[in-house]
């Protein structure tokens, strides 16, 4: 089963879900707003991918929280990901023990088709 983490109104998440529907691939959506991810899940992802890949320093949430001025190290970034899921780049897709962050159609074709 493909697990997709993100928020329903995110353009990248919409593109990923559209890709899965178009190719008749079963998926399960975990919406950060209604079903926040735990620190354990964030730590699990960070065993497979780099924090720079997961931490969205270009998000509105990042700007609103004024995190740039805090000059966060990786440990602090991980703490923020745990308490503020909207700082996570979207979508995060779990499939066959792989973690894929963001939507790239060519990458998705290579992994899922």
C-alpha atoms as a PDB file:
ATOM      1  CA  UNK A   1       0.000   0.000   0.000  1.00  0.00           C
ATOM      2  CA  UNK A   2       1.214   3.467  -0.895  1.00  0.00           C
ATOM      3  CA  UNK A   3       1.018   5.873   2.046  1.00  0.00           C
ATOM      4  CA  UNK A   4       0.880   9.557   1.224  1.00  0.00           C
ATOM      5  CA  UNK A   5       1.486  12.193   3.889  1.00  0.00           C
ATOM      6  CA  UNK A   6       0.561  15.810   3.277  1.00  0.00           C
ATOM      7  CA  UNK A   7      -2.439  18.120   3.175  1.00  0.00           C
ATOM      8  CA  UNK A   8      -5.362  17.848   0.768  1.00  0.00           C
ATOM      9  CA  UNK A   9      -5.126  21.396  -0.580  1.00  0.00           C
ATOM     10  CA  UNK A  10      -1.377  21.277  -1.383  1.00  0.00           C
ATOM     11  CA  UNK A  11      -0.709  21.397  -5.130  1.00  0.00           C
ATOM     12  CA  UNK A  12       2.113  18.829  -4.935  1.00  0.00           C
ATOM     13  CA  UNK A  13      -0.073  16.437  -2.949  1.00  0.00           C
ATOM     14  CA  UNK A  14      -2.914  16.917  -5.449  1.00  0.00           C
ATOM     15  CA  UNK A  15      -0.528  16.075  -8.310  1.00  0.00           C
ATOM     16  CA  UNK A  16       0.686  12.933  -6.527  1.00  0.00           C
ATOM     17  CA  UNK A  17      -2.861  11.761  -5.772  1.00  0.00           C
ATOM     18  CA  UNK A  18      -3.892  12.478  -9.363  1.00  0.00           C
ATOM     19  CA  UNK A  19      -0.932  10.400 -10.586  1.00  0.00           C
ATOM     20  CA  UNK A  20      -1.978   7.463  -8.399  1.00  0.00           C
ATOM     21  CA  UNK A  21      -5.623   7.712  -9.514  1.00  0.00           C
ATOM     22  CA  UNK A  22      -4.637   7.982 -13.192  1.00  0.00           C
ATOM     23  CA  UNK A  23      -2.563   4.796 -12.920  1.00  0.00           C
ATOM     24  CA  UNK A  24      -5.094   2.946 -10.746  1.00  0.00           C
ATOM     25  CA  UNK A  25      -2.684   2.691  -7.818  1.00  0.00           C
ATOM     26  CA  UNK A  26      -4.170   2.226  -4.368  1.00  0.00           C
ATOM     27  CA  UNK A  27      -3.045   4.761  -1.807  1.00  0.00           C
ATOM     28  CA  UNK A  28      -3.898   6.010   1.644  1.00  0.00           C
ATOM     29  CA  UNK A  29      -3.717   9.725   2.479  1.00  0.00           C
ATOM     30  CA  UNK A  30      -2.638  10.906   5.920  1.00  0.00           C
ATOM     31  CA  UNK A  31      -3.604  14.570   6.187  1.00  0.00           C
ATOM     32  CA  UNK A  32      -1.293  16.513   8.523  1.00  0.00           C
ATOM     33  CA  UNK A  33      -4.157  18.792   9.521  1.00  0.00           C
ATOM     34  CA  UNK A  34      -6.488  16.025  10.690  1.00  0.00           C
ATOM     35  CA  UNK A  35      -3.961  13.306  11.520  1.00  0.00           C
ATOM     36  CA  UNK A  36      -0.598  14.821  12.573  1.00  0.00           C
ATOM     37  CA  UNK A  37       2.477  12.623  12.259  1.00  0.00           C
ATOM     38  CA  UNK A  38       4.427  11.716  15.362  1.00  0.00           C
ATOM     39  CA  UNK A  39       8.066  12.357  16.168  1.00  0.00           C
ATOM     40  CA  UNK A  40       8.608   8.621  15.715  1.00  0.00           C
ATOM     41  CA  UNK A  41       7.415   8.854  12.101  1.00  0.00           C
ATOM     42  CA  UNK A  42       9.615  11.915  11.441  1.00  0.00           C
ATOM     43  CA  UNK A  43      12.609  10.072  12.952  1.00  0.00           C
ATOM     44  CA  UNK A  44      11.817   7.035  10.786  1.00  0.00           C
ATOM     45  CA  UNK A  45      11.842   9.203   7.659  1.00  0.00           C
ATOM     46  CA  UNK A  46      15.103  10.858   8.679  1.00  0.00           C
ATOM     47  CA  UNK A  47      16.815   7.461   8.831  1.00  0.00           C
ATOM     48  CA  UNK A  48      16.174   7.185   5.085  1.00  0.00           C
ATOM     49  CA  UNK A  49      16.409  10.786   3.864  1.00  0.00           C
ATOM     50  CA  UNK A  50      18.348  13.923   4.682  1.00  0.00           C
ATOM     51  CA  UNK A  51      16.746  16.634   6.822  1.00  0.00           C
ATOM     52  CA  UNK A  52      17.372  19.158   4.032  1.00  0.00           C
ATOM     53  CA  UNK A  53      15.049  17.082   1.862  1.00  0.00           C
ATOM     54  CA  UNK A  54      12.307  16.907   4.499  1.00  0.00           C
ATOM     55  CA  UNK A  55      12.437  20.375   6.095  1.00  0.00           C
ATOM     56  CA  UNK A  56      10.596  22.979   4.024  1.00  0.00           C
ATOM     57  CA  UNK A  57      12.399  26.269   4.552  1.00  0.00           C
ATOM     58  CA  UNK A  58      10.396  27.839   1.710  1.00  0.00           C
ATOM     59  CA  UNK A  59       6.979  27.332   3.310  1.00  0.00           C
ATOM     60  CA  UNK A  60       4.603  29.985   4.566  1.00  0.00           C
ATOM     61  CA  UNK A  61       4.752  28.328   7.982  1.00  0.00           C
ATOM     62  CA  UNK A  62       8.540  28.723   8.050  1.00  0.00           C
ATOM     63  CA  UNK A  63       8.243  32.421   7.231  1.00  0.00           C
ATOM     64  CA  UNK A  64       5.375  33.029   9.669  1.00  0.00           C
ATOM     65  CA  UNK A  65       7.285  31.402  12.519  1.00  0.00           C
ATOM     66  CA  UNK A  66      10.374  33.455  11.590  1.00  0.00           C
ATOM     67  CA  UNK A  67      12.565  30.369  11.804  1.00  0.00           C
ATOM     68  CA  UNK A  68      15.219  31.758   9.481  1.00  0.00           C
ATOM     69  CA  UNK A  69      16.273  34.225  12.175  1.00  0.00           C
ATOM     70  CA  UNK A  70      16.755  31.313  14.600  1.00  0.00           C
ATOM     71  CA  UNK A  71      19.431  29.720  12.375  1.00  0.00           C
ATOM     72  CA  UNK A  72      18.294  26.210  13.331  1.00  0.00           C
ATOM     73  CA  UNK A  73      20.696  23.285  13.412  1.00  0.00           C
ATOM     74  CA  UNK A  74      19.505  19.843  12.271  1.00  0.00           C
ATOM     75  CA  UNK A  75      18.386  18.769  15.762  1.00  0.00           C
ATOM     76  CA  UNK A  76      16.284  21.910  16.132  1.00  0.00           C
ATOM     77  CA  UNK A  77      14.839  21.446  12.648  1.00  0.00           C
ATOM     78  CA  UNK A  78      13.791  17.923  13.601  1.00  0.00           C
ATOM     79  CA  UNK A  79      12.109  19.229  16.767  1.00  0.00           C
ATOM     80  CA  UNK A  80      10.182  21.770  14.686  1.00  0.00           C
ATOM     81  CA  UNK A  81       9.104  19.073  12.212  1.00  0.00           C
ATOM     82  CA  UNK A  82       7.651  17.116  15.130  1.00  0.00           C
ATOM     83  CA  UNK A  83       5.657  19.992  16.566  1.00  0.00           C
ATOM     84  CA  UNK A  84       4.732  21.730  13.298  1.00  0.00           C
ATOM     85  CA  UNK A  85       3.968  19.191  10.560  1.00  0.00           C
ATOM     86  CA  UNK A  86       3.341  21.932   8.002  1.00  0.00           C
ATOM     87  CA  UNK A  87       7.127  22.420   7.880  1.00  0.00           C
ATOM     88  CA  UNK A  88       7.415  19.002   6.219  1.00  0.00           C
ATOM     89  CA  UNK A  89       7.893  19.109   2.433  1.00  0.00           C
ATOM     90  CA  UNK A  90       4.966  17.510   0.716  1.00  0.00           C
ATOM     91  CA  UNK A  91       4.032  14.950  -0.170  1.00  0.00           C
ATOM     92  CA  UNK A  92       5.977  12.340   1.740  1.00  0.00           C
ATOM     93  CA  UNK A  93       5.281   8.952   0.166  1.00  0.00           C
ATOM     94  CA  UNK A  94       6.112   5.607   1.765  1.00  0.00           C
ATOM     95  CA  UNK A  95       6.261   2.645  -0.593  1.00  0.00           C
ATOM     96  CA  UNK A  96       8.226  -0.624  -0.436  1.00  0.00           C
ATOM     97  CA  UNK A  97      10.494   0.689   2.333  1.00  0.00           C
ATOM     98  CA  UNK A  98      11.277   3.797   0.266  1.00  0.00           C
ATOM     99  CA  UNK A  99      10.609   7.391   1.256  1.00  0.00           C
ATOM    100  CA  UNK A 100       9.909   9.837  -1.562  1.00  0.00           C
ATOM    101  CA  UNK A 101       9.552  13.558  -0.832  1.00  0.00           C
ATOM    102  CA  UNK A 102       7.898  15.957  -3.251  1.00  0.00           C
ATOM    103  CA  UNK A 103       6.241  15.227  -6.556  1.00  0.00           C
ATOM    104  CA  UNK A 104       8.222  14.599  -9.714  1.00  0.00           C
ATOM    105  CA  UNK A 105       6.279  12.736 -12.397  1.00  0.00           C
ATOM    106  CA  UNK A 106       9.323  11.065 -13.962  1.00  0.00           C
ATOM    107  CA  UNK A 107      10.538   9.907 -10.562  1.00  0.00           C
ATOM    108  CA  UNK A 108       7.057   8.595  -9.719  1.00  0.00           C
ATOM    109  CA  UNK A 109       6.898   6.704 -13.031  1.00  0.00           C
ATOM    110  CA  UNK A 110      10.228   5.050 -12.253  1.00  0.00           C
ATOM    111  CA  UNK A 111       9.156   4.007  -8.770  1.00  0.00           C
ATOM    112  CA  UNK A 112       5.476   3.137  -9.186  1.00  0.00           C
ATOM    113  CA  UNK A 113       5.020   1.942 -12.786  1.00  0.00           C
END
